[in-house]
Amino acid sequence: MTDNSLMRPQVVAHRGASHEIAEHTLAAYVAALDAGADALECDVRLTMDGHLVCVHDRHLRRIGARGLVSEMTLGELQAIDFAAWKNGFWDGEDEQPDRDMRGVLTLHRLLRAVRDYDRHIEMAIETKHPTRYGGLTEGRLVDVLNDFGWAGPGSPVRVMSFSFTALQRVERLAPGVPLVQLIDRAANWSLLRHTIGPEWWLGAGIDMLAAHPRLARRLASKGRNLHVYTVNTEEQLKLCLDLGVKAVITDRPGFMLELLGG
């Protein structure tokens, strides 16, 4: 039987199965894995006491809470239900997921789930900048990757950032770990194309590619792995297939896999 995964782009779950379940919760990631996602994507920020947690924004307003991640300890974040804000998803459920599935998710906990899953899973980890901790974020990330033996060639993890400097830092600290330069504005490519590493991936926004088809073709023809975010509709997926992209990052991994035929 032909393995369809060898002929289609990699399906990467954006903050988990975040269309249905609160983003960056363990429940969202487990749902994405069970739906067949090839890889998981997360954002990481550093807490005041040095833990990497999977949170997108510097503040907690998105989940209806107060505070800045960088000014809070892991213990303080663990006291918050990170799933309660999402459309009352668990209301009326006979069996709500336990607190471990709904609370703040550390990168260490997520990587353990990836390591222990019953098939090969890859990770795309984005470091957020600017941040008050600067390069400490990448340093701590490499420490965590070393804990898993994933800080060198052959790692299932690729590190992404809009910050060229942050990716240079990872390249220096963990040679061989794949890197993804994120771009969301067409003008940025002219600044980056002569400076990013020859083996680096490109991570392009789907809206930018749709608005600039000539640029999309140029990026696709460069021979680099092209990673496109955030792809949630059939039309967007068709554009990615036309461009021959390597990976699509999506809030709806199960839906994308259905469209791709599994």
Protein backbone atom coordinates (compact mmCIF):
# COMPACT_ATOMS: atom_id res chain seq x y z
CA MET A 1 0.00 0.00 0.00
CA THR A 2 1.27 3.47 -0.85
CA ASP A 3 2.03 5.73 2.11
CA ASN A 4 0.13 8.94 1.36
CA SER A 5 2.24 10.83 3.92
CA LEU A 6 5.19 10.53 1.53
CA MET A 7 3.31 12.36 -1.22
CA ARG A 8 1.60 15.15 0.69
CA PRO A 9 2.78 18.05 2.82
CA GLN A 10 3.40 17.41 6.46
CA VAL A 11 0.35 18.38 8.54
CA VAL A 12 1.44 20.38 11.57
CA ALA A 13 -1.09 21.06 14.34
CA HIS A 14 -1.05 24.77 15.22
CA ARG A 15 -1.04 24.95 19.02
CA GLY A 16 -2.74 21.55 18.89
CA ALA A 17 -6.19 20.93 17.46
CA SER A 18 -6.88 24.54 18.38
CA HIS A 19 -9.97 25.03 16.22
CA GLU A 20 -11.91 22.71 18.52
CA ILE A 21 -10.00 22.75 21.82
CA ALA A 22 -8.28 25.52 23.74
CA GLU A 23 -4.86 26.16 22.23
CA HIS A 24 -1.63 25.05 23.87
CA THR A 25 -3.38 22.67 26.26
CA LEU A 26 -2.30 19.07 26.49
CA ALA A 27 -5.87 18.11 25.53
CA ALA A 28 -5.52 20.02 22.25
CA TYR A 29 -2.23 18.31 21.43
CA VAL A 30 -3.46 14.82 22.27
CA ALA A 31 -6.52 15.43 20.06
CA ALA A 32 -4.22 16.52 17.21
CA LEU A 33 -2.08 13.41 17.57
CA ASP A 34 -5.13 11.17 17.69
CA ALA A 35 -6.42 12.88 14.52
CA GLY A 36 -3.20 11.85 12.76
CA ALA A 37 -1.13 15.06 12.79
CA ASP A 38 2.44 14.50 11.61
CA ALA A 39 3.86 17.26 13.79
CA LEU A 40 2.90 19.70 16.51
CA GLU A 41 3.59 23.44 16.71
CA CYS A 42 3.94 25.47 19.88
CA ASP A 43 5.06 28.90 21.03
CA VAL A 44 7.29 29.13 24.09
CA ARG A 45 7.86 31.84 26.67
CA LEU A 46 10.06 31.90 29.74
CA THR A 47 8.51 32.25 33.19
CA MET A 48 10.03 34.37 35.93
CA ASP A 49 11.52 31.23 37.52
CA GLY A 50 13.03 29.90 34.29
CA HIS A 51 10.49 27.41 32.90
CA LEU A 52 9.48 27.31 29.24
CA VAL A 53 5.71 27.27 28.90
CA CYS A 54 3.54 26.98 25.82
CA VAL A 55 1.82 30.36 25.67
CA HIS A 56 1.44 32.61 22.62
CA ASP A 57 0.98 36.10 24.06
CA ARG A 58 3.15 37.90 26.60
CA HIS A 59 -0.01 38.58 28.63
CA LEU A 60 -2.92 36.33 29.62
CA ARG A 61 -5.82 38.41 28.30
CA ARG A 62 -6.54 35.83 25.58
CA ILE A 63 -7.65 33.34 28.24
CA GLY A 64 -9.48 35.88 30.40
CA ALA A 65 -6.79 36.12 33.07
CA ARG A 66 -4.41 38.82 34.22
CA GLY A 67 -0.65 39.00 34.31
CA LEU A 68 2.46 38.76 32.16
CA VAL A 69 4.05 35.36 31.64
CA SER A 70 7.53 36.79 32.22
CA GLU A 71 6.46 38.17 35.62
CA MET A 72 4.84 34.97 36.87
CA THR A 73 6.20 31.74 38.30
CA LEU A 74 5.27 28.34 36.97
CA GLY A 75 3.29 27.73 40.15
CA GLU A 76 1.23 30.86 39.59
CA LEU A 77 0.49 29.85 36.01
CA GLN A 78 -0.44 26.34 37.10
CA ALA A 79 -3.23 27.82 39.23
CA ILE A 80 -4.99 29.03 36.05
CA ASP A 81 -7.34 26.95 33.89
CA PHE A 82 -6.06 27.59 30.36
CA ALA A 83 -9.02 25.81 28.75
CA ALA A 84 -12.02 27.49 30.39
CA TRP A 85 -12.14 30.43 27.94
CA LYS A 86 -12.68 28.32 24.79
CA ASN A 87 -16.38 28.37 23.88
CA GLY A 88 -17.37 26.54 27.05
CA PHE A 89 -15.96 23.45 25.36
CA TRP A 90 -16.16 21.26 28.44
CA ASP A 91 -19.62 22.44 29.57
CA GLY A 92 -21.97 19.54 30.00
CA GLU A 93 -19.36 16.92 29.26
CA ASP A 94 -19.83 13.76 31.29
CA GLU A 95 -16.08 13.36 31.71
CA GLN A 96 -14.08 16.56 31.68
CA PRO A 97 -10.35 16.17 31.15
CA ASP A 98 -8.34 16.40 34.33
CA ARG A 99 -6.37 19.46 35.33
CA ASP A 100 -3.19 18.15 33.73
CA MET A 101 -4.92 18.35 30.35
CA ARG A 102 -6.25 21.89 30.89
CA GLY A 103 -3.55 23.71 32.84
CA VAL A 104 -0.52 25.61 31.62
CA LEU A 105 1.63 23.30 29.53
CA THR A 106 5.39 23.24 29.96
CA LEU A 107 7.55 22.47 26.96
CA HIS A 108 9.08 19.60 28.89
CA ARG A 109 5.66 18.01 29.39
CA LEU A 110 4.75 18.41 25.72
CA LEU A 111 8.01 16.89 24.52
CA ARG A 112 7.51 13.91 26.82
CA ALA A 113 4.12 13.33 25.20
CA VAL A 114 5.74 13.50 21.75
CA ARG A 115 8.55 11.16 22.75
CA ASP A 116 6.17 8.61 24.27
CA TYR A 117 3.56 8.60 21.49
CA ASP A 118 3.27 5.36 19.53
CA ARG A 119 4.53 6.78 16.24
CA HIS A 120 7.13 9.27 15.08
CA ILE A 121 6.06 12.87 15.71
CA GLU A 122 7.97 16.04 14.88
CA MET A 123 7.88 19.37 16.70
CA ALA A 124 7.99 22.96 15.45
CA ILE A 125 8.83 25.28 18.34
CA GLU A 126 8.58 29.04 17.98
CA THR A 127 10.48 31.33 20.32
CA LYS A 128 8.66 34.62 20.82
CA HIS A 129 10.43 37.97 20.55
CA PRO A 130 10.87 40.61 21.72
CA THR A 131 11.00 39.37 25.31
CA ARG A 132 12.54 40.72 28.50
CA TYR A 133 14.68 37.58 28.75
CA GLY A 134 16.23 37.89 25.29
CA GLY A 135 18.69 35.12 24.51
CA LEU A 136 17.89 33.26 27.75
CA THR A 137 14.86 31.84 25.95
CA GLU A 138 16.95 30.07 23.30
CA GLY A 139 19.50 28.99 25.88
CA ARG A 140 16.83 27.36 27.99
CA LEU A 141 15.25 25.79 24.91
CA VAL A 142 18.53 24.14 23.97
CA ASP A 143 18.86 22.90 27.57
CA VAL A 144 15.46 21.22 27.27
CA LEU A 145 16.33 19.70 23.89
CA ASN A 146 19.53 18.33 25.41
CA ASP A 147 17.43 16.64 28.11
CA PHE A 148 15.80 14.61 25.33
CA GLY A 149 18.93 14.11 23.21
CA TRP A 150 17.37 16.32 20.52
CA ALA A 151 19.88 19.17 20.32
CA GLY A 152 21.76 18.05 17.22
CA PRO A 153 21.46 16.49 13.76
CA GLY A 154 18.55 14.12 13.39
CA SER A 155 16.44 15.98 15.92
CA PRO A 156 12.65 15.69 15.43
CA VAL A 157 12.46 19.34 16.54
CA ARG A 158 12.81 22.41 14.37
CA VAL A 159 13.05 25.85 15.91
CA MET A 160 11.18 28.79 14.37
CA SER A 161 11.26 32.53 14.94
CA PHE A 162 10.59 35.84 13.26
CA SER A 163 13.87 36.91 14.88
CA PHE A 164 16.89 36.21 12.69
CA THR A 165 19.12 36.81 15.71
CA ALA A 166 17.27 34.22 17.77
CA LEU A 167 17.77 31.58 15.08
CA GLN A 168 21.46 32.42 14.81
CA ARG A 169 21.66 31.87 18.55
CA VAL A 170 20.12 28.40 18.26
CA GLU A 171 22.42 27.57 15.35
CA ARG A 172 25.40 28.41 17.54
CA LEU A 173 24.15 26.55 20.62
CA ALA A 174 22.73 23.48 18.86
CA PRO A 175 24.33 22.97 15.43
CA GLY A 176 22.29 20.66 13.24
CA VAL A 177 18.87 21.45 14.67
CA PRO A 178 16.64 22.53 11.74
CA LEU A 179 15.73 26.23 11.74
CA VAL A 180 12.75 28.04 10.24
CA GLN A 181 12.87 31.75 9.43
CA LEU A 182 9.32 33.06 9.72
CA ILE A 183 8.20 35.89 7.45
CA ASP A 184 4.84 37.62 7.34
CA ARG A 185 5.54 40.62 5.08
CA ALA A 186 6.69 40.49 1.48
CA ALA A 187 9.15 43.34 2.08
CA ASN A 188 10.97 41.28 4.70
CA TRP A 189 12.14 38.74 2.13
CA SER A 190 14.36 41.24 0.36
CA LEU A 191 16.10 41.88 3.68
CA LEU A 192 16.48 38.23 4.65
CA ARG A 193 17.18 36.36 1.44
CA HIS A 194 20.90 37.12 1.41
CA THR A 195 21.44 36.51 5.12
CA ILE A 196 19.60 33.39 6.29
CA GLY A 197 21.47 30.12 6.40
CA PRO A 198 21.50 27.98 3.24
CA GLU A 199 19.79 25.06 4.99
CA TRP A 200 17.19 27.06 6.86
CA TRP A 201 13.51 26.49 6.18
CA LEU A 202 11.21 29.36 5.25
CA GLY A 203 7.99 29.81 7.22
CA ALA A 204 5.59 32.01 5.24
CA GLY A 205 2.12 33.28 6.10
CA ILE A 206 -0.67 32.01 3.86
CA ASP A 207 -2.19 35.50 3.55
CA MET A 208 1.13 36.91 2.34
CA LEU A 209 1.49 34.14 -0.25
CA ALA A 210 -2.07 34.62 -1.51
CA ALA A 211 -1.60 38.39 -1.80
CA HIS A 212 1.77 38.11 -3.58
CA PRO A 213 1.60 35.16 -6.00
CA ARG A 214 4.84 36.08 -7.77
CA LEU A 215 6.70 36.10 -4.46
CA ALA A 216 5.03 32.80 -3.54
CA ARG A 217 6.41 31.22 -6.73
CA ARG A 218 9.88 32.63 -6.08
CA LEU A 219 9.92 31.27 -2.54
CA ALA A 220 8.69 27.88 -3.71
CA SER A 221 11.39 27.72 -6.39
CA LYS A 222 14.31 28.39 -4.05
CA GLY A 223 14.80 24.72 -3.19
CA ARG A 224 14.20 25.34 0.52
CA ASN A 225 11.62 23.55 2.63
CA LEU A 226 8.62 25.88 2.73
CA HIS A 227 6.44 25.80 5.84
CA VAL A 228 3.14 27.73 5.52
CA TYR A 229 0.92 29.02 8.33
CA THR A 230 -1.99 29.11 9.16
CA VAL A 231 -3.81 26.93 6.60
CA ASN A 232 -7.43 26.25 7.56
CA THR A 233 -9.49 26.15 4.35
CA GLU A 234 -9.61 23.99 1.25
CA GLU A 235 -8.69 26.97 -0.92
CA GLN A 236 -5.63 27.73 1.20
CA LEU A 237 -4.57 24.10 1.09
CA LYS A 238 -4.90 24.07 -2.71
CA LEU A 239 -2.51 27.02 -2.96
CA CYS A 240 -0.01 25.14 -0.79
CA LEU A 241 -0.30 22.05 -2.96
CA ASP A 242 0.20 24.14 -6.10
CA LEU A 243 3.38 25.57 -4.56
CA GLY A 244 4.65 22.16 -3.47
CA VAL A 245 5.17 23.21 0.13
CA LYS A 246 6.81 20.88 2.62
CA ALA A 247 4.52 21.54 5.58
CA VAL A 248 1.18 23.17 6.34
CA ILE A 249 0.50 24.42 9.82
CA THR A 250 -3.18 24.35 10.70
CA ASP A 251 -5.70 24.76 13.50
CA ARG A 252 -7.65 21.90 11.92
CA PRO A 253 -5.29 18.92 11.44
CA GLY A 254 -8.08 16.35 11.15
CA PHE A 255 -9.86 18.38 8.46
CA MET A 256 -6.65 18.93 6.49
CA LEU A 257 -5.87 15.21 6.58
CA GLU A 258 -9.37 14.43 5.30
CA LEU A 259 -8.84 16.81 2.39
CA LEU A 260 -5.47 15.20 1.67
CA GLY A 261 -6.90 11.71 1.77
CA GLY A 262 -5.38 10.64 5.06
